[in-house]
Amino acid sequence: MGIRLRVHDGEPIGHALRRFKKLLERSGTARAIRAQACASHVPATGTRRTKQYIKRLKAREATLAAQCAGVQPVASLKDAHAKFKQKTGKR
């Protein structure tokens, strides 16, 4: 959906801009752009949570791979949790 605006000869740029803004509002393009921008916005807490989740996931995968290979035997579940918490920094 394209919007065209013809600027008349000798028309001040301020008038043309005002007409352009009105045209955008009437067509609903501005509202659609704002809605799209809001939908793609991720708050800072969301990015932090995502990073923490990825860090925990990688630590779990590394621990599981080491256990399957027999490099890291687990004496007890409590020790496994302690090692996991140490790796991920999760309390």
C-alpha atoms as a PDB file:
ATOM      1  CA  MET A   1       0.000   0.000   0.000  1.00  0.00           C
ATOM      2  CA  GLY A   2       1.693   3.134  -1.184  1.00  0.00           C
ATOM      3  CA  ILE A   3       0.955   6.715  -0.291  1.00  0.00           C
ATOM      4  CA  ARG A   4       1.599   9.506  -2.754  1.00  0.00           C
ATOM      5  CA  LEU A   5       1.676  13.198  -2.047  1.00  0.00           C
ATOM      6  CA  ARG A   6       2.140  15.808  -4.715  1.00  0.00           C
ATOM      7  CA  VAL A   7       3.889  18.965  -3.498  1.00  0.00           C
ATOM      8  CA  HIS A   8       2.596  22.021  -5.357  1.00  0.00           C
ATOM      9  CA  ASP A   9       4.859  24.700  -6.805  1.00  0.00           C
ATOM     10  CA  GLY A  10       5.671  27.354  -4.230  1.00  0.00           C
ATOM     11  CA  GLU A  11       4.013  25.413  -1.398  1.00  0.00           C
ATOM     12  CA  PRO A  12       5.846  25.733   1.911  1.00  0.00           C
ATOM     13  CA  ILE A  13       7.332  22.478   3.172  1.00  0.00           C
ATOM     14  CA  GLY A  14       5.442  22.836   6.464  1.00  0.00           C
ATOM     15  CA  HIS A  15       2.085  22.711   4.664  1.00  0.00           C
ATOM     16  CA  ALA A  16       3.164  19.672   2.661  1.00  0.00           C
ATOM     17  CA  LEU A  17       4.298  17.926   5.839  1.00  0.00           C
ATOM     18  CA  ARG A  18       0.985  18.664   7.546  1.00  0.00           C
ATOM     19  CA  ARG A  19      -0.918  17.241   4.577  1.00  0.00           C
ATOM     20  CA  PHE A  20       1.327  14.179   4.606  1.00  0.00           C
ATOM     21  CA  LYS A  21       0.678  13.531   8.306  1.00  0.00           C
ATOM     22  CA  LYS A  22      -3.075  13.841   7.794  1.00  0.00           C
ATOM     23  CA  LEU A  23      -2.869  11.460   4.858  1.00  0.00           C
ATOM     24  CA  LEU A  24      -0.978   8.926   6.981  1.00  0.00           C
ATOM     25  CA  GLU A  25      -3.531   9.144   9.785  1.00  0.00           C
ATOM     26  CA  ARG A  26      -6.482   8.729   7.411  1.00  0.00           C
ATOM     27  CA  SER A  27      -4.968   5.714   5.683  1.00  0.00           C
ATOM     28  CA  GLY A  28      -4.156   3.959   8.987  1.00  0.00           C
ATOM     29  CA  THR A  29      -0.516   3.418   8.035  1.00  0.00           C
ATOM     30  CA  ALA A  30       0.840   5.262  11.070  1.00  0.00           C
ATOM     31  CA  ARG A  31      -1.251   3.143  13.441  1.00  0.00           C
ATOM     32  CA  ALA A  32      -0.088  -0.053  11.755  1.00  0.00           C
ATOM     33  CA  ILE A  33       3.569   0.993  12.003  1.00  0.00           C
ATOM     34  CA  ARG A  34       3.189   1.861  15.694  1.00  0.00           C
ATOM     35  CA  ALA A  35       1.466  -1.444  16.417  1.00  0.00           C
ATOM     36  CA  GLN A  36       4.201  -3.361  14.614  1.00  0.00           C
ATOM     37  CA  ALA A  37       6.911  -1.524  16.560  1.00  0.00           C
ATOM     38  CA  CYS A  38       5.209  -2.267  19.890  1.00  0.00           C
ATOM     39  CA  ALA A  39       4.729  -5.925  19.042  1.00  0.00           C
ATOM     40  CA  SER A  40       8.415  -6.456  18.326  1.00  0.00           C
ATOM     41  CA  HIS A  41       9.596  -4.647  21.464  1.00  0.00           C
ATOM     42  CA  VAL A  42      11.141  -6.903  24.108  1.00  0.00           C
ATOM     43  CA  PRO A  43      11.739  -5.400  27.551  1.00  0.00           C
ATOM     44  CA  ALA A  44      15.158  -5.629  29.181  1.00  0.00           C
ATOM     45  CA  THR A  45      13.933  -8.198  31.697  1.00  0.00           C
ATOM     46  CA  GLY A  46      12.902 -10.449  28.823  1.00  0.00           C
ATOM     47  CA  THR A  47      16.368 -10.385  27.297  1.00  0.00           C
ATOM     48  CA  ARG A  48      17.971 -11.084  30.684  1.00  0.00           C
ATOM     49  CA  ARG A  49      15.647 -14.033  31.273  1.00  0.00           C
ATOM     50  CA  THR A  50      16.414 -15.403  27.838  1.00  0.00           C
ATOM     51  CA  LYS A  51      20.170 -15.170  28.432  1.00  0.00           C
ATOM     52  CA  GLN A  52      19.852 -16.877  31.822  1.00  0.00           C
ATOM     53  CA  TYR A  53      17.719 -19.633  30.298  1.00  0.00           C
ATOM     54  CA  ILE A  54      20.257 -20.264  27.521  1.00  0.00           C
ATOM     55  CA  LYS A  55      23.085 -20.351  30.068  1.00  0.00           C
ATOM     56  CA  ARG A  56      21.238 -22.924  32.199  1.00  0.00           C
ATOM     57  CA  LEU A  57      20.356 -24.993  29.137  1.00  0.00           C
ATOM     58  CA  LYS A  58      23.985 -25.126  27.952  1.00  0.00           C
ATOM     59  CA  ALA A  59      25.142 -26.109  31.443  1.00  0.00           C
ATOM     60  CA  ARG A  60      22.574 -28.914  31.556  1.00  0.00           C
ATOM     61  CA  GLU A  61      23.645 -30.184  28.148  1.00  0.00           C
ATOM     62  CA  ALA A  62      27.316 -30.117  29.143  1.00  0.00           C
ATOM     63  CA  THR A  63      26.616 -31.939  32.395  1.00  0.00           C
ATOM     64  CA  LEU A  64      24.517 -34.582  30.666  1.00  0.00           C
ATOM     65  CA  ALA A  65      27.135 -35.122  27.948  1.00  0.00           C
ATOM     66  CA  ALA A  66      29.868 -35.529  30.561  1.00  0.00           C
ATOM     67  CA  GLN A  67      27.752 -37.974  32.560  1.00  0.00           C
ATOM     68  CA  CYS A  68      26.920 -40.022  29.470  1.00  0.00           C
ATOM     69  CA  ALA A  69      30.593 -40.151  28.532  1.00  0.00           C
ATOM     70  CA  GLY A  70      31.465 -41.311  32.036  1.00  0.00           C
ATOM     71  CA  VAL A  71      33.796 -38.375  32.631  1.00  0.00           C
ATOM     72  CA  GLN A  72      31.674 -36.875  35.363  1.00  0.00           C
ATOM     73  CA  PRO A  73      30.133 -39.513  37.572  1.00  0.00           C
ATOM     74  CA  VAL A  74      27.421 -38.340  39.931  1.00  0.00           C
ATOM     75  CA  ALA A  75      27.614 -39.668  43.458  1.00  0.00           C
ATOM     76  CA  SER A  76      24.280 -38.193  44.517  1.00  0.00           C
ATOM     77  CA  LEU A  77      21.509 -35.995  43.251  1.00  0.00           C
ATOM     78  CA  LYS A  78      22.450 -33.334  45.797  1.00  0.00           C
ATOM     79  CA  ASP A  79      25.985 -33.140  44.385  1.00  0.00           C
ATOM     80  CA  ALA A  80      24.613 -32.889  40.857  1.00  0.00           C
ATOM     81  CA  HIS A  81      22.384 -29.970  41.860  1.00  0.00           C
ATOM     82  CA  ALA A  82      25.275 -28.234  43.599  1.00  0.00           C
ATOM     83  CA  LYS A  83      27.477 -28.564  40.503  1.00  0.00           C
ATOM     84  CA  PHE A  84      24.676 -27.321  38.282  1.00  0.00           C
ATOM     85  CA  LYS A  85      24.093 -24.288  40.496  1.00  0.00           C
ATOM     86  CA  GLN A  86      27.824 -23.574  40.542  1.00  0.00           C
ATOM     87  CA  LYS A  87      28.040 -23.705  36.741  1.00  0.00           C
ATOM     88  CA  THR A  88      25.002 -21.568  36.054  1.00  0.00           C
ATOM     89  CA  GLY A  89      25.297 -19.094  38.901  1.00  0.00           C
ATOM     90  CA  LYS A  90      21.697 -19.809  39.798  1.00  0.00           C
ATOM     91  CA  ARG A  91      20.882 -19.784  43.488  1.00  0.00           C
END
